[in-house]
Amino acid sequence: MSSLEEPSRPLPLVTACGRRIEVGALRVAIPGRPIDRITLNVGPERGGRSKVWAGLSPTEARALAQLLLAQVAHAEHDAAG
């Protein structure tokens, strides 16, 4: 039998357009083989209905973090130039 464990989540990031982005963790506790996922929940824009949710492995979450940081560096470089 498996069970789901979800640790407490940090406060969401609220963007300038009103979207709430929540990052969390999810563990599917299967005896002898737990599965860990990092969750990303992007809520709808103000007054909107669109929502996006993704469950990432730790490796995928790190890859996404690297992509985000690379884009931040690029944007900051462009803004400074």
C-alpha atoms as a PDB file:
ATOM      1  CA  MET A   1       0.000   0.000   0.000  1.00  0.00           C
ATOM      2  CA  SER A   2       1.293   3.478  -0.787  1.00  0.00           C
ATOM      3  CA  SER A   3       0.653   6.747   0.951  1.00  0.00           C
ATOM      4  CA  LEU A   4       1.181  10.354  -0.001  1.00  0.00           C
ATOM      5  CA  GLU A   5       3.153  12.691   2.222  1.00  0.00           C
ATOM      6  CA  GLU A   6       3.251  16.389   1.477  1.00  0.00           C
ATOM      7  CA  PRO A   7       5.496  18.604   3.623  1.00  0.00           C
ATOM      8  CA  SER A   8       4.465  22.137   4.469  1.00  0.00           C
ATOM      9  CA  ARG A   9       4.915  24.528   1.578  1.00  0.00           C
ATOM     10  CA  PRO A  10       6.743  27.850   1.580  1.00  0.00           C
ATOM     11  CA  LEU A  11       4.728  30.976   0.864  1.00  0.00           C
ATOM     12  CA  PRO A  12       3.868  31.327  -2.824  1.00  0.00           C
ATOM     13  CA  LEU A  13       5.449  33.862  -5.108  1.00  0.00           C
ATOM     14  CA  VAL A  14       2.856  36.306  -6.446  1.00  0.00           C
ATOM     15  CA  THR A  15       3.810  37.832  -9.785  1.00  0.00           C
ATOM     16  CA  ALA A  16       3.059  41.354 -10.978  1.00  0.00           C
ATOM     17  CA  CYS A  17       0.175  39.962 -13.065  1.00  0.00           C
ATOM     18  CA  GLY A  18      -1.314  38.278  -9.989  1.00  0.00           C
ATOM     19  CA  ARG A  19      -0.352  34.662 -10.665  1.00  0.00           C
ATOM     20  CA  ARG A  20       0.523  32.645  -7.581  1.00  0.00           C
ATOM     21  CA  ILE A  21       3.433  30.268  -8.079  1.00  0.00           C
ATOM     22  CA  GLU A  22       3.740  27.603  -5.406  1.00  0.00           C
ATOM     23  CA  VAL A  23       6.692  25.252  -5.091  1.00  0.00           C
ATOM     24  CA  GLY A  24       6.372  22.172  -2.935  1.00  0.00           C
ATOM     25  CA  ALA A  25       7.443  18.590  -2.483  1.00  0.00           C
ATOM     26  CA  LEU A  26       5.517  15.359  -2.758  1.00  0.00           C
ATOM     27  CA  ARG A  27       6.599  11.905  -1.661  1.00  0.00           C
ATOM     28  CA  VAL A  28       4.775   8.783  -2.727  1.00  0.00           C
ATOM     29  CA  ALA A  29       5.729   6.385   0.062  1.00  0.00           C
ATOM     30  CA  ILE A  30       5.896   2.983  -1.564  1.00  0.00           C
ATOM     31  CA  PRO A  31       7.576   0.400   0.697  1.00  0.00           C
ATOM     32  CA  GLY A  32      11.177  -0.044  -0.407  1.00  0.00           C
ATOM     33  CA  ARG A  33      10.893   2.512  -3.197  1.00  0.00           C
ATOM     34  CA  PRO A  34       9.700   5.989  -2.242  1.00  0.00           C
ATOM     35  CA  ILE A  35       9.181   8.394  -5.131  1.00  0.00           C
ATOM     36  CA  ASP A  36      10.034  12.057  -4.560  1.00  0.00           C
ATOM     37  CA  ARG A  37       8.672  14.858  -6.717  1.00  0.00           C
ATOM     38  CA  ILE A  38       9.035  18.618  -6.621  1.00  0.00           C
ATOM     39  CA  THR A  39       5.731  20.307  -7.437  1.00  0.00           C
ATOM     40  CA  LEU A  40       5.197  23.546  -9.298  1.00  0.00           C
ATOM     41  CA  ASN A  41       1.701  25.022  -9.279  1.00  0.00           C
ATOM     42  CA  VAL A  42       1.088  28.145 -11.361  1.00  0.00           C
ATOM     43  CA  GLY A  43      -2.289  29.632 -10.565  1.00  0.00           C
ATOM     44  CA  PRO A  44      -4.476  31.611 -12.940  1.00  0.00           C
ATOM     45  CA  GLU A  45      -3.917  35.231 -13.821  1.00  0.00           C
ATOM     46  CA  ARG A  46      -6.216  37.774 -12.176  1.00  0.00           C
ATOM     47  CA  GLY A  47      -9.740  36.940 -13.204  1.00  0.00           C
ATOM     48  CA  GLY A  48      -8.504  34.066 -15.359  1.00  0.00           C
ATOM     49  CA  ARG A  49      -9.082  30.362 -15.273  1.00  0.00           C
ATOM     50  CA  SER A  50      -5.887  28.948 -16.709  1.00  0.00           C
ATOM     51  CA  LYS A  51      -3.783  26.887 -14.307  1.00  0.00           C
ATOM     52  CA  VAL A  52      -0.645  24.829 -14.749  1.00  0.00           C
ATOM     53  CA  TRP A  53       0.739  22.099 -12.503  1.00  0.00           C
ATOM     54  CA  ALA A  54       3.894  20.017 -12.887  1.00  0.00           C
ATOM     55  CA  GLY A  55       5.550  17.283 -10.864  1.00  0.00           C
ATOM     56  CA  LEU A  56       9.313  17.144 -11.379  1.00  0.00           C
ATOM     57  CA  SER A  57      11.938  14.675 -10.267  1.00  0.00           C
ATOM     58  CA  PRO A  58      14.756  16.203  -8.200  1.00  0.00           C
ATOM     59  CA  THR A  59      16.999  16.076 -11.293  1.00  0.00           C
ATOM     60  CA  GLU A  60      14.363  17.813 -13.425  1.00  0.00           C
ATOM     61  CA  ALA A  61      13.823  20.462 -10.729  1.00  0.00           C
ATOM     62  CA  ARG A  62      17.559  21.200 -10.641  1.00  0.00           C
ATOM     63  CA  ALA A  63      17.627  21.471 -14.444  1.00  0.00           C
ATOM     64  CA  LEU A  64      14.686  23.896 -14.345  1.00  0.00           C
ATOM     65  CA  ALA A  65      16.422  25.944 -11.638  1.00  0.00           C
ATOM     66  CA  GLN A  66      19.551  26.162 -13.806  1.00  0.00           C
ATOM     67  CA  LEU A  67      17.483  27.297 -16.801  1.00  0.00           C
ATOM     68  CA  LEU A  68      15.732  29.943 -14.700  1.00  0.00           C
ATOM     69  CA  LEU A  69      19.022  31.225 -13.265  1.00  0.00           C
ATOM     70  CA  ALA A  70      20.564  31.396 -16.746  1.00  0.00           C
ATOM     71  CA  GLN A  71      17.616  33.478 -17.966  1.00  0.00           C
ATOM     72  CA  VAL A  72      17.888  35.762 -14.924  1.00  0.00           C
ATOM     73  CA  ALA A  73      21.585  36.345 -15.632  1.00  0.00           C
ATOM     74  CA  HIS A  74      20.803  37.089 -19.291  1.00  0.00           C
ATOM     75  CA  ALA A  75      18.001  39.528 -18.399  1.00  0.00           C
ATOM     76  CA  GLU A  76      20.138  41.300 -15.787  1.00  0.00           C
ATOM     77  CA  HIS A  77      23.019  41.561 -18.269  1.00  0.00           C
ATOM     78  CA  ASP A  78      20.710  43.052 -20.919  1.00  0.00           C
ATOM     79  CA  ALA A  79      19.221  45.510 -18.411  1.00  0.00           C
ATOM     80  CA  ALA A  80      22.696  46.658 -17.300  1.00  0.00           C
ATOM     81  CA  GLY A  81      24.005  47.012 -20.858  1.00  0.00           C
END
